Amino acid sequence: MEVSPSTQQFNVTSYGAITVAFITLEAFPGMWINSFIVCVLCIDWVKKKTLNSNEKILLLLGCSRFCYLCFSWVYKFLSFIYPNYLYVPTILQLAVFFQAFFNHCNLWFSASLCGFYCIKIANFSNRSFIYLKVKIDRIVPWLLLGSGILALAVGIVAYDIADKPHCNSNSTGRGNFGTASIKMDKHFFPSFFLAGFEYAASFMVVIFAAVFLLFSLWRHKRTMQTNSMKDLSMDAHIRAMKSIFSFLVMYSINFVCLVLNMVYVTKKRNHMTFLIVVFQYIFPGLHSLILIFSNPKLEKALLKILPLQRSVMRTVCMSQKL
């Protein structure tokens, strides 16, 4: 049975609308959560005139995730709803550059935070580990700078690839920018190799840091059980282990989605590509929410805001009724 062009156009439009709707429902709460982290830390920075290493990583992580969600949403919105705007010179290239740059910043800052927690919290008698524990506060700025440079390298390569004629020659139809069928050739090898290397490297950092930290906390929990120490400290260790394990699971799922996204980038859209997009936009907001509830300062600030929001909503509802 032959499908008419009008039916094909309807399918493309409905797919784009559904995709944009799901991305919007995930991106906007994620942007609010990460902007909350950034605002709280910036206010505290102004008051104290300084930030510790943990707060520096959290601040940059929140900024990178907010920008990643913002640029990714704009890119997807234009791709599916107003694709003609992407024909304007450098618009497509800049959108791809910023999306790739902030995505890799998000990955590396997440890995840096996990590694920082491992070195700060875990207890091992190894000399190298003790040296890192003493020097970690001086290493963090260089670690963040290196993460930014690696992310910038991927962004530059992505910009160069998006500037090639074969990236937009097949994308003349409405809504095709988000799902263009791109021909795999030698031009894509540098970007795929560099992106894949950074995905794998950041993932290995998270795996090793999380496993070492979980082992150290589990061993310390066993010691407290043997010595019959306070339940309050035991509960704190159990919460920390759950938080780290949940992050490990989410990061693993995100890593699989990133790899699958590289595999399916040359394929036409299908249910798998839709699921990959959905999972990728969940991670930045959900993990940041876990970070808020695992940080006493952020959790306290959030609990202060929630009653205020409830009172504002009540006032608005009462004014509408009147």
Protein backbone atom coordinates (compact mmCIF):
# COMPACT_ATOMS: atom_id res chain seq x y z
CA MET A 1 0.00 0.00 0.00
CA GLU A 2 1.47 3.34 -1.06
CA VAL A 3 1.46 6.16 1.45
CA SER A 4 0.46 9.58 0.18
CA PRO A 5 2.78 12.59 0.68
CA SER A 6 0.20 14.27 2.91
CA THR A 7 0.21 11.23 5.20
CA GLN A 8 4.02 11.23 5.32
CA GLN A 9 3.98 14.94 6.16
CA PHE A 10 1.48 14.28 8.97
CA ASN A 11 3.68 11.52 10.40
CA VAL A 12 6.76 13.76 10.41
CA THR A 13 4.83 16.58 12.06
CA SER A 14 3.24 14.36 14.71
CA TYR A 15 6.59 12.72 15.52
CA GLY A 16 8.24 16.12 15.86
CA ALA A 17 5.41 17.49 18.04
CA ILE A 18 5.51 14.46 20.36
CA THR A 19 9.30 14.61 20.62
CA VAL A 20 9.30 18.35 21.39
CA ALA A 21 6.53 17.85 23.95
CA PHE A 22 8.48 15.16 25.82
CA ILE A 23 11.71 17.15 25.65
CA THR A 24 9.94 20.24 26.99
CA LEU A 25 8.46 18.30 29.93
CA GLU A 26 11.96 17.06 30.81
CA ALA A 27 14.12 20.05 29.93
CA PHE A 28 12.24 22.85 31.71
CA PRO A 29 12.10 21.14 35.15
CA GLY A 30 15.76 20.20 34.66
CA MET A 31 16.65 23.81 33.88
CA TRP A 32 14.73 24.98 36.98
CA ILE A 33 16.50 22.45 39.22
CA ASN A 34 19.97 23.35 37.94
CA SER A 35 19.28 27.08 38.01
CA PHE A 36 18.23 26.63 41.65
CA ILE A 37 21.60 25.01 42.43
CA VAL A 38 23.46 27.82 40.66
CA CYS A 39 21.46 30.57 42.42
CA VAL A 40 21.92 29.09 45.90
CA LEU A 41 25.67 28.62 45.41
CA CYS A 42 26.10 32.10 43.90
CA ILE A 43 24.25 33.73 46.81
CA ASP A 44 26.41 31.78 49.24
CA TRP A 45 29.50 32.80 47.24
CA VAL A 46 28.56 36.48 47.56
CA LYS A 47 28.01 36.11 51.31
CA LYS A 48 31.14 34.09 52.09
CA LYS A 49 33.36 35.53 49.33
CA THR A 50 34.63 32.00 48.73
CA LEU A 51 33.55 28.50 47.68
CA ASN A 52 34.99 25.15 48.66
CA SER A 53 36.03 22.59 46.04
CA ASN A 54 32.77 20.67 46.25
CA GLU A 55 30.73 23.83 45.66
CA LYS A 56 32.92 24.88 42.72
CA ILE A 57 32.24 21.59 40.95
CA LEU A 58 28.53 21.78 41.76
CA LEU A 59 28.34 25.37 40.47
CA LEU A 60 29.97 24.53 37.14
CA LEU A 61 27.95 21.32 36.88
CA GLY A 62 24.70 23.24 37.40
CA CYS A 63 25.70 25.88 34.83
CA SER A 64 26.71 23.29 32.23
CA ARG A 65 23.51 21.29 32.68
CA PHE A 66 21.31 24.37 32.50
CA CYS A 67 23.02 25.52 29.29
CA TYR A 68 22.97 22.01 27.81
CA LEU A 69 19.24 21.64 28.39
CA CYS A 70 18.56 25.16 27.11
CA PHE A 71 20.57 24.84 23.87
CA SER A 72 19.39 21.27 23.27
CA TRP A 73 15.75 22.28 23.66
CA VAL A 74 16.17 25.24 21.30
CA TYR A 75 17.94 23.04 18.75
CA LYS A 76 15.28 20.32 18.87
CA PHE A 77 12.47 22.89 18.79
CA LEU A 78 13.89 24.54 15.67
CA SER A 79 14.70 21.15 14.10
CA PHE A 80 11.13 19.87 14.30
CA ILE A 81 8.95 23.00 14.37
CA TYR A 82 10.88 25.71 12.46
CA PRO A 83 13.60 23.88 10.48
CA ASN A 84 14.03 26.73 8.00
CA TYR A 85 15.73 28.84 10.66
CA LEU A 86 18.59 26.34 10.71
CA TYR A 87 19.41 27.24 7.10
CA VAL A 88 20.62 30.63 8.28
CA PRO A 89 24.46 30.60 8.09
CA THR A 90 26.23 29.40 11.27
CA ILE A 91 22.95 28.81 13.20
CA LEU A 92 23.14 25.03 12.78
CA GLN A 93 26.90 24.97 13.41
CA LEU A 94 26.63 27.05 16.59
CA ALA A 95 23.71 24.97 17.88
CA VAL A 96 25.68 21.75 17.36
CA PHE A 97 28.81 23.28 18.91
CA PHE A 98 27.12 24.50 22.11
CA GLN A 99 25.12 21.29 22.50
CA ALA A 100 28.25 19.12 22.18
CA PHE A 101 30.35 21.43 24.38
CA PHE A 102 27.90 21.62 27.29
CA ASN A 103 27.02 17.93 27.02
CA HIS A 104 30.66 16.94 27.48
CA CYS A 105 31.09 19.55 30.23
CA ASN A 106 28.17 17.89 31.99
CA LEU A 107 29.79 14.45 31.66
CA TRP A 108 33.23 15.53 32.81
CA PHE A 109 32.01 17.69 35.70
CA SER A 110 29.81 14.78 36.87
CA ALA A 111 32.81 12.46 36.71
CA SER A 112 34.94 15.06 38.55
CA LEU A 113 32.33 15.34 41.30
CA CYS A 114 32.20 11.58 41.73
CA GLY A 115 36.00 11.37 41.82
CA PHE A 116 36.16 14.23 44.33
CA TYR A 117 33.67 12.50 46.65
CA CYS A 118 35.65 9.28 46.39
CA ILE A 119 38.96 10.92 47.33
CA LYS A 120 37.45 13.05 50.10
CA ILE A 121 35.22 10.44 51.75
CA ALA A 122 36.86 7.07 51.10
CA ASN A 123 39.55 5.79 53.45
CA PHE A 124 42.42 3.75 52.02
CA SER A 125 45.96 3.34 53.29
CA ASN A 126 47.55 3.59 49.85
CA ARG A 127 50.22 6.34 49.64
CA SER A 128 48.99 7.68 46.31
CA PHE A 129 45.44 7.89 47.63
CA ILE A 130 46.59 9.74 50.77
CA TYR A 131 48.58 12.16 48.60
CA LEU A 132 45.52 12.87 46.46
CA LYS A 133 43.39 13.38 49.57
CA VAL A 134 45.82 16.05 50.80
CA LYS A 135 46.24 17.78 47.42
CA ILE A 136 42.70 17.40 46.03
CA ASP A 137 41.66 21.00 46.77
CA ARG A 138 44.58 22.30 44.69
CA ILE A 139 43.94 19.77 41.92
CA VAL A 140 40.22 20.62 41.49
CA PRO A 141 40.72 23.93 39.55
CA TRP A 142 43.10 22.21 37.12
CA LEU A 143 40.72 19.28 36.85
CA LEU A 144 37.85 21.60 35.93
CA LEU A 145 40.03 23.46 33.44
CA GLY A 146 41.06 20.19 31.80
CA SER A 147 37.43 19.09 31.62
CA GLY A 148 36.49 22.34 29.89
CA ILE A 149 39.35 21.96 27.37
CA LEU A 150 38.32 18.39 26.51
CA ALA A 151 34.70 19.48 26.06
CA LEU A 152 35.83 22.42 23.91
CA ALA A 153 37.79 20.06 21.65
CA VAL A 154 34.66 17.98 21.02
CA GLY A 155 32.62 21.14 20.38
CA ILE A 156 35.12 22.42 17.80
CA VAL A 157 35.16 19.08 15.97
CA ALA A 158 31.35 18.96 16.05
CA TYR A 159 31.20 22.50 14.61
CA ASP A 160 33.57 21.50 11.82
CA ILE A 161 31.51 18.40 11.01
CA ALA A 162 28.24 20.38 11.00
CA ASP A 163 29.86 22.82 8.55
CA LYS A 164 30.45 20.06 5.99
CA PRO A 165 28.12 20.02 2.96
CA HIS A 166 27.11 16.36 3.52
CA CYS A 167 25.55 17.25 6.88
CA ASN A 168 22.79 19.40 5.44
CA SER A 169 22.50 18.32 1.80
CA ASN A 170 19.87 15.70 2.63
CA SER A 171 17.96 17.83 5.12
CA THR A 172 15.71 19.82 2.83
CA GLY A 173 12.37 18.63 4.14
CA ARG A 174 10.34 19.97 7.00
CA GLY A 175 11.50 18.55 10.34
CA ASN A 176 14.47 16.65 8.90
CA PHE A 177 17.19 18.47 10.80
CA GLY A 178 16.50 16.55 13.98
CA THR A 179 16.46 13.20 12.18
CA ALA A 180 18.55 13.67 9.05
CA SER A 181 19.91 10.55 7.41
CA ILE A 182 23.63 11.34 7.34
CA LYS A 183 26.05 9.36 5.24
CA MET A 184 28.86 7.82 7.25
CA ASP A 185 32.27 8.62 5.77
CA LYS A 186 35.79 9.50 6.77
CA HIS A 187 34.80 13.03 7.88
CA PHE A 188 32.88 11.61 10.83
CA PHE A 189 35.69 9.45 12.18
CA PRO A 190 37.51 12.22 14.14
CA SER A 191 34.34 13.40 15.89
CA PHE A 192 33.10 9.88 16.62
CA PHE A 193 36.51 8.78 17.89
CA LEU A 194 37.00 11.83 20.13
CA ALA A 195 33.44 11.78 21.47
CA GLY A 196 33.57 8.02 22.05
CA PHE A 197 36.91 8.32 23.83
CA GLU A 198 35.58 11.01 26.16
CA TYR A 199 32.38 9.05 26.82
CA ALA A 200 34.42 5.96 27.75
CA ALA A 201 37.02 7.89 29.78
CA SER A 202 34.47 9.80 31.88
CA PHE A 203 32.45 6.62 32.36
CA MET A 204 35.52 4.71 33.61
CA VAL A 205 36.28 7.53 36.07
CA VAL A 206 32.75 7.29 37.45
CA ILE A 207 32.83 3.48 37.63
CA PHE A 208 36.12 3.29 39.52
CA ALA A 209 35.32 6.23 41.83
CA ALA A 210 31.84 4.93 42.67
CA VAL A 211 32.99 1.35 43.25
CA PHE A 212 35.89 2.42 45.49
CA LEU A 213 33.64 4.79 47.43
CA LEU A 214 30.89 2.19 47.86
CA PHE A 215 33.45 -0.36 49.07
CA SER A 216 34.93 2.12 51.56
CA LEU A 217 31.49 3.10 52.92
CA TRP A 218 30.39 -0.53 53.13
CA ARG A 219 33.57 -1.44 55.01
CA HIS A 220 33.11 1.49 57.39
CA LYS A 221 29.46 0.51 57.94
CA ARG A 222 30.54 -3.00 58.87
CA THR A 223 33.05 -1.56 61.34
CA MET A 224 30.34 0.60 62.95
CA GLN A 225 28.03 -2.42 63.22
CA THR A 226 30.77 -4.40 64.92
CA ASN A 227 31.52 -1.59 67.37
CA SER A 228 27.81 -0.85 67.99
CA MET A 229 28.12 2.82 67.08
CA LYS A 230 25.24 5.31 66.79
CA ASP A 231 22.40 4.59 64.40
CA LEU A 232 22.44 8.19 63.15
CA SER A 233 25.90 7.80 61.64
CA MET A 234 24.88 4.44 60.24
CA ASP A 235 21.85 5.96 58.52
CA ALA A 236 24.03 8.69 57.00
CA HIS A 237 26.37 6.09 55.51
CA ILE A 238 23.45 4.07 54.13
CA ARG A 239 21.96 7.22 52.52
CA ALA A 240 25.33 8.05 50.99
CA MET A 241 25.64 4.54 49.57
CA LYS A 242 22.14 4.71 48.07
CA SER A 243 22.88 8.12 46.53
CA ILE A 244 26.14 6.92 44.97
CA PHE A 245 24.58 3.71 43.70
CA SER A 246 21.65 5.59 42.13
CA PHE A 247 24.08 7.96 40.41
CA LEU A 248 26.09 4.99 39.12
CA VAL A 249 22.95 3.40 37.66
CA MET A 250 21.79 6.67 36.04
CA TYR A 251 25.23 7.45 34.64
CA SER A 252 25.46 3.93 33.19
CA ILE A 253 22.07 4.31 31.48
CA ASN A 254 23.11 7.73 30.18
CA PHE A 255 26.37 6.26 28.85
CA VAL A 256 24.48 3.52 27.00
CA CYS A 257 22.15 6.16 25.51
CA LEU A 258 25.11 8.25 24.35
CA VAL A 259 26.70 5.26 22.65
CA LEU A 260 23.40 4.26 21.04
CA ASN A 261 22.92 7.85 19.89
CA MET A 262 26.27 7.62 18.06
CA VAL A 263 25.17 4.34 16.47
CA TYR A 264 21.76 5.62 15.38
CA VAL A 265 22.90 9.09 14.24
CA THR A 266 23.23 7.77 10.68
CA LYS A 267 19.85 5.99 10.81
CA LYS A 268 16.36 7.28 10.20
CA ARG A 269 14.21 8.01 13.21
CA ASN A 270 12.45 5.13 14.96
CA HIS A 271 11.22 4.15 18.42
CA MET A 272 14.79 3.55 19.60
CA THR A 273 15.94 7.08 18.72
CA PHE A 274 12.89 8.50 20.49
CA LEU A 275 13.66 6.50 23.68
CA ILE A 276 17.30 7.58 23.55
CA VAL A 277 16.29 11.26 23.42
CA VAL A 278 13.82 10.78 26.30
CA PHE A 279 16.42 9.13 28.56
CA GLN A 280 19.12 11.67 27.71
CA TYR A 281 16.99 14.61 28.84
CA ILE A 282 16.00 12.93 32.12
CA PHE A 283 19.54 12.51 33.45
CA PRO A 284 20.65 16.17 34.00
CA GLY A 285 17.57 17.11 36.02
CA LEU A 286 17.11 13.87 37.94
CA HIS A 287 20.73 13.59 39.07
CA SER A 288 20.80 17.26 40.07
CA LEU A 289 17.69 16.66 42.18
CA ILE A 290 19.50 13.80 43.95
CA LEU A 291 22.46 16.12 44.54
CA ILE A 292 20.15 18.68 46.15
CA PHE A 293 18.75 16.17 48.65
CA SER A 294 22.22 14.82 49.43
CA ASN A 295 23.56 18.32 50.17
CA PRO A 296 22.28 19.82 53.48
CA LYS A 297 22.68 23.42 52.31
CA LEU A 298 20.80 22.91 49.04
CA GLU A 299 18.14 20.76 50.69
CA LYS A 300 17.52 23.38 53.37
CA ALA A 301 17.19 26.13 50.74
CA LEU A 302 14.77 24.02 48.71
CA LEU A 303 12.58 23.28 51.74
CA LYS A 304 12.43 27.02 52.42
CA ILE A 305 11.29 27.78 48.88
CA LEU A 306 8.56 25.11 48.68
CA PRO A 307 6.30 26.63 51.40
CA LEU A 308 6.77 30.03 49.77
CA GLN A 309 5.66 28.64 46.41
CA ARG A 310 2.62 27.03 48.03
CA SER A 311 1.58 30.34 49.60
CA VAL A 312 2.04 32.16 46.27
CA MET A 313 -0.09 29.54 44.50
CA ARG A 314 -2.83 29.91 47.13
CA THR A 315 -2.80 33.69 46.74
CA VAL A 316 -3.05 33.38 42.95
CA CYS A 317 -5.92 30.86 43.21
CA MET A 318 -7.82 33.05 45.69
CA SER A 319 -7.38 36.13 43.50
CA GLN A 320 -8.70 34.20 40.49
CA LYS A 321 -11.76 33.08 42.42
CA LEU A 322 -12.47 36.66 43.48
